[in-house]
Protein backbone atom coordinates (compact mmCIF):
# COMPACT_ATOMS: atom_id res chain seq x y z
CA MET A 1 -1.94 50.60 5.20
CA ASN A 2 1.72 50.88 6.12
CA GLN A 3 2.11 53.78 8.55
CA GLN A 4 5.82 53.92 9.28
CA SER A 5 8.86 53.78 7.05
CA ASP A 6 11.74 51.44 7.69
CA ASN A 7 14.74 53.67 8.28
CA ASN A 8 16.99 50.77 7.32
CA GLY A 9 15.14 50.19 4.05
CA GLN A 10 16.22 51.12 0.56
CA HIS A 11 14.79 54.34 -0.84
CA PHE A 12 14.50 55.04 -4.55
CA TYR A 13 13.09 58.10 -6.23
CA LEU A 14 11.79 59.27 -9.60
CA LYS A 15 13.01 62.40 -11.34
CA PRO A 16 11.90 63.78 -14.72
CA LEU A 17 13.92 62.24 -17.52
CA THR A 18 16.33 64.61 -19.30
CA VAL A 19 18.50 64.42 -22.38
CA GLY A 20 21.45 63.77 -20.07
CA ASP A 21 19.85 60.52 -18.91
CA LEU A 22 20.05 59.11 -22.43
CA GLU A 23 23.72 58.34 -21.86
CA HIS A 24 22.72 55.68 -19.31
CA ILE A 25 19.90 54.41 -21.49
CA ALA A 26 22.14 54.04 -24.55
CA LEU A 27 24.49 51.83 -22.51
CA TRP A 28 21.61 49.71 -21.17
CA TYR A 29 20.19 49.28 -24.65
CA GLU A 30 23.46 47.82 -25.91
CA ASP A 31 22.02 44.61 -24.45
CA ILE A 32 19.81 43.57 -27.37
CA ASP A 33 17.87 41.13 -25.17
CA ASP A 34 16.76 44.02 -22.97
CA LEU A 35 16.25 46.33 -25.93
CA SER A 36 13.75 43.91 -27.44
CA LEU A 37 11.68 43.89 -24.25
CA ILE A 38 11.26 47.62 -23.79
CA GLU A 39 11.77 49.44 -27.07
CA SER A 40 9.72 48.16 -30.00
CA ARG A 41 10.79 51.07 -32.21
CA LEU A 42 14.48 50.18 -32.07
CA PRO A 43 15.61 46.77 -33.37
CA VAL A 44 19.32 47.52 -32.76
CA PRO A 45 21.25 49.69 -30.25
CA LEU A 46 21.75 53.41 -31.03
CA ASN A 47 24.29 55.92 -29.83
CA VAL A 48 23.25 58.81 -27.59
CA GLN A 49 22.77 61.28 -30.43
CA ALA A 50 20.57 58.94 -32.45
CA LEU A 51 18.63 57.95 -29.34
CA GLU A 52 17.99 61.62 -28.60
CA LYS A 53 16.45 62.08 -32.04
CA SER A 54 14.30 58.97 -31.54
CA TRP A 55 13.03 60.28 -28.17
CA GLN A 56 12.80 63.95 -29.17
CA ASN A 57 9.00 64.05 -29.35
CA ASP A 58 8.66 62.47 -25.90
CA LEU A 59 11.23 64.69 -24.18
CA VAL A 60 10.29 68.07 -25.67
CA GLN A 61 6.54 68.76 -25.80
CA THR A 62 4.06 71.56 -25.41
CA GLU A 63 0.92 71.28 -23.30
CA PRO A 64 -1.14 69.20 -23.16
CA ARG A 65 1.66 66.67 -23.00
CA THR A 66 1.18 63.16 -24.31
CA SER A 67 4.03 61.61 -22.30
CA TYR A 68 5.67 61.91 -18.90
CA LEU A 69 9.03 60.16 -18.52
CA PHE A 70 11.06 59.57 -15.36
CA SER A 71 14.49 58.27 -14.39
CA ILE A 72 14.60 55.79 -11.48
CA ARG A 73 17.40 56.67 -9.04
CA ASP A 74 18.86 55.19 -5.89
CA GLU A 75 19.71 57.14 -2.73
CA ASN A 76 23.11 58.07 -4.14
CA GLY A 77 21.63 59.36 -7.39
CA GLY A 78 22.63 56.34 -9.45
CA ALA A 79 20.33 55.54 -12.36
CA LEU A 80 18.84 52.04 -12.45
CA GLY A 81 15.99 52.37 -14.93
CA HIS A 82 13.27 54.53 -16.36
CA THR A 83 9.49 54.58 -16.49
CA GLY A 84 6.67 56.69 -17.79
CA LEU A 85 3.31 57.23 -19.39
CA GLN A 86 3.16 57.57 -23.17
CA ASP A 87 0.62 57.98 -25.96
CA ILE A 88 -1.73 59.84 -23.61
CA ASN A 89 -5.08 60.68 -25.18
CA HIS A 90 -6.63 63.32 -22.96
CA ALA A 91 -9.94 63.31 -24.81
CA HIS A 92 -10.53 59.64 -24.10
CA GLY A 93 -8.56 59.44 -20.85
CA ASN A 94 -6.13 56.68 -21.72
CA GLY A 95 -2.40 56.12 -21.94
CA VAL A 96 0.35 53.49 -22.04
CA VAL A 97 2.61 52.75 -19.07
CA PHE A 98 6.08 51.22 -19.35
CA ILE A 99 9.04 50.42 -17.12
CA TYR A 100 12.63 49.32 -17.56
CA VAL A 101 14.88 48.27 -14.67
CA THR A 102 18.47 47.16 -15.11
CA LYS A 103 19.22 43.48 -14.64
CA ASP A 104 21.07 43.85 -11.35
CA SER A 105 18.13 45.79 -9.87
CA ARG A 106 15.39 43.33 -10.75
CA ARG A 107 13.48 41.07 -8.36
CA ARG A 108 13.94 43.58 -5.52
CA GLY A 109 10.47 45.11 -5.56
CA VAL A 110 11.54 48.30 -7.32
CA ALA A 111 9.53 47.68 -10.49
CA LEU A 112 6.32 46.81 -8.64
CA ARG A 113 6.41 49.90 -6.43
CA THR A 114 7.43 52.14 -9.32
CA MET A 115 4.57 50.88 -11.46
CA ALA A 116 2.13 51.43 -8.60
CA LEU A 117 3.38 55.00 -8.28
CA MET A 118 2.92 55.53 -12.02
CA LEU A 119 -0.65 54.23 -11.79
CA ASP A 120 -1.33 56.70 -8.98
CA LEU A 121 0.04 59.45 -11.22
CA ALA A 122 -2.13 58.33 -14.11
CA PHE A 123 -5.39 57.97 -12.22
CA LEU A 124 -5.13 60.35 -9.26
CA GLN A 125 -3.27 63.25 -10.85
CA LEU A 126 -3.72 63.12 -14.63
CA ARG A 127 -7.33 61.89 -14.36
CA LEU A 128 -6.87 59.10 -16.88
CA HIS A 129 -9.63 56.52 -17.13
CA ARG A 130 -7.56 53.55 -18.26
CA VAL A 131 -3.95 52.50 -18.73
CA THR A 132 -2.64 49.93 -21.19
CA THR A 133 0.64 48.07 -21.41
CA TYR A 134 2.14 45.36 -23.60
CA VAL A 135 4.07 42.28 -22.46
CA HIS A 136 5.84 39.57 -24.40
CA THR A 137 4.07 36.33 -23.50
CA ASP A 138 7.37 34.60 -22.73
CA ASN A 139 8.43 37.35 -20.29
CA VAL A 140 7.50 35.56 -17.07
CA PRO A 141 8.65 38.26 -14.58
CA SER A 142 6.69 41.01 -16.35
CA THR A 143 3.64 38.79 -16.62
CA GLY A 144 3.74 38.26 -12.86
CA LEU A 145 4.23 41.99 -12.26
CA ILE A 146 1.17 43.08 -14.21
CA LYS A 147 -0.92 40.37 -12.56
CA ARG A 148 -0.06 41.69 -9.09
CA LEU A 149 -1.02 45.19 -10.21
CA GLY A 150 -4.45 43.95 -11.30
CA PHE A 151 -4.21 44.33 -15.07
CA THR A 152 -6.73 42.37 -17.14
CA ASP A 153 -5.82 40.41 -20.29
CA GLU A 154 -7.52 42.13 -23.21
CA GLY A 155 -6.02 40.49 -26.24
CA CYS A 156 -2.96 39.15 -27.98
CA MET A 157 -1.02 40.39 -30.97
CA ARG A 158 -0.04 37.08 -32.50
CA GLU A 159 3.60 37.08 -33.63
CA GLY A 160 3.69 40.78 -32.79
CA TYR A 161 7.43 41.08 -32.27
CA PHE A 162 10.54 39.67 -33.95
CA PHE A 163 13.72 38.80 -32.08
CA ASP A 164 16.67 36.50 -32.70
CA GLY A 165 15.15 35.00 -35.84
CA GLU A 166 11.74 34.20 -34.37
CA TYR A 167 8.33 35.83 -33.96
CA GLY A 168 6.61 35.96 -30.57
CA ASP A 169 3.21 36.96 -29.22
CA VAL A 170 2.52 40.21 -27.39
CA LYS A 171 -0.12 40.30 -24.64
CA ILE A 172 -2.30 43.42 -24.39
CA VAL A 173 -3.42 44.22 -20.85
CA GLY A 174 -5.42 47.08 -19.39
CA LEU A 175 -6.41 48.58 -16.04
CA LEU A 176 -9.32 50.93 -15.33
CA SER A 177 -9.25 53.73 -12.78
CA LYS A 178 -12.02 52.17 -10.68
CA GLU A 179 -10.18 48.84 -10.64
CA TRP A 180 -7.01 50.48 -9.35
CA GLY A 181 -9.03 52.37 -6.75
CA THR A 182 -10.38 49.09 -5.46
CA SER A 183 -7.11 47.15 -5.38
CA ARG A 184 -4.36 49.65 -4.51
CA GLY A 185 -4.92 49.58 -0.74
CA ALA A 186 -4.70 45.79 -0.54
CA LEU A 187 -1.57 45.77 -2.68
CA SER A 188 0.09 48.37 -0.46
CA ASP A 189 -0.81 46.41 2.68
CA ALA A 190 0.87 43.34 1.19
CA LEU A 191 4.18 45.18 0.71
CA ASP A 192 6.76 45.84 3.40
CA ASN A 193 8.82 49.02 3.74
CA SER A 194 12.18 47.44 2.96
CA VAL A 195 11.97 49.16 -0.44
CA VAL A 196 10.30 52.55 -0.94
CA VAL A 197 9.91 54.36 -4.25
CA ALA A 198 8.86 58.01 -4.24
CA PHE A 199 8.59 61.12 -6.35
CA GLY A 200 11.41 63.25 -5.03
CA SER A 201 13.50 62.56 -1.94
CA ASN A 202 10.69 62.38 0.64
CA ALA A 203 10.15 58.66 1.18
CA ASP A 204 7.54 59.41 3.85
CA GLY A 205 5.46 61.73 1.70
CA ARG A 206 2.11 61.24 0.02
CA TRP A 207 3.66 60.26 -3.31
CA ALA A 208 5.52 57.16 -2.19
CA TRP A 209 4.97 53.41 -2.38
CA PRO A 210 4.04 51.49 -0.29
CA LEU A 211 1.39 53.95 0.84
CA ARG A 212 1.85 55.63 4.21
């Protein structure tokens, strides 16, 4: 595994999502193309107040929580996306993972490392047994991302989403805890330290990707 950080690399960190972060998200979701990829509940953009009502159940919960949401930040505190685990069923040990990264921050390795960190959270901290996610079949970058993470195709919701006058298919993919345990070391070894994503500001800590 990677043992040393690259001091010249880019460091990103995750912080718990707050109501204040919805201002950024509302602006990002004004792009209906992006909105259709990440937010199946919202067919059109909403203002901050309406978005807060839509996300109320995810942001304000009692224990045991069924979602954990995070803002993705750069070294200067700038927001460039969000991620999280939703629909957690503690009895059965499963949940749904998602990620959104702004267009100018894509293809830089941020999404891959962030998703790996979320899988560590799901399996190594929350003791989930499996994680599911959903990908539009025509979303080539996301399809490549989930493949690198080791997700297995489990089904397809034919014509499961509607956008710009047409229906499209939605791929259902899943990953088991034991599968992640087998593959995470090899994935980390394949990544360099030019980009590091961590919980909190310590890019050299235990909760950072690539692994130290």
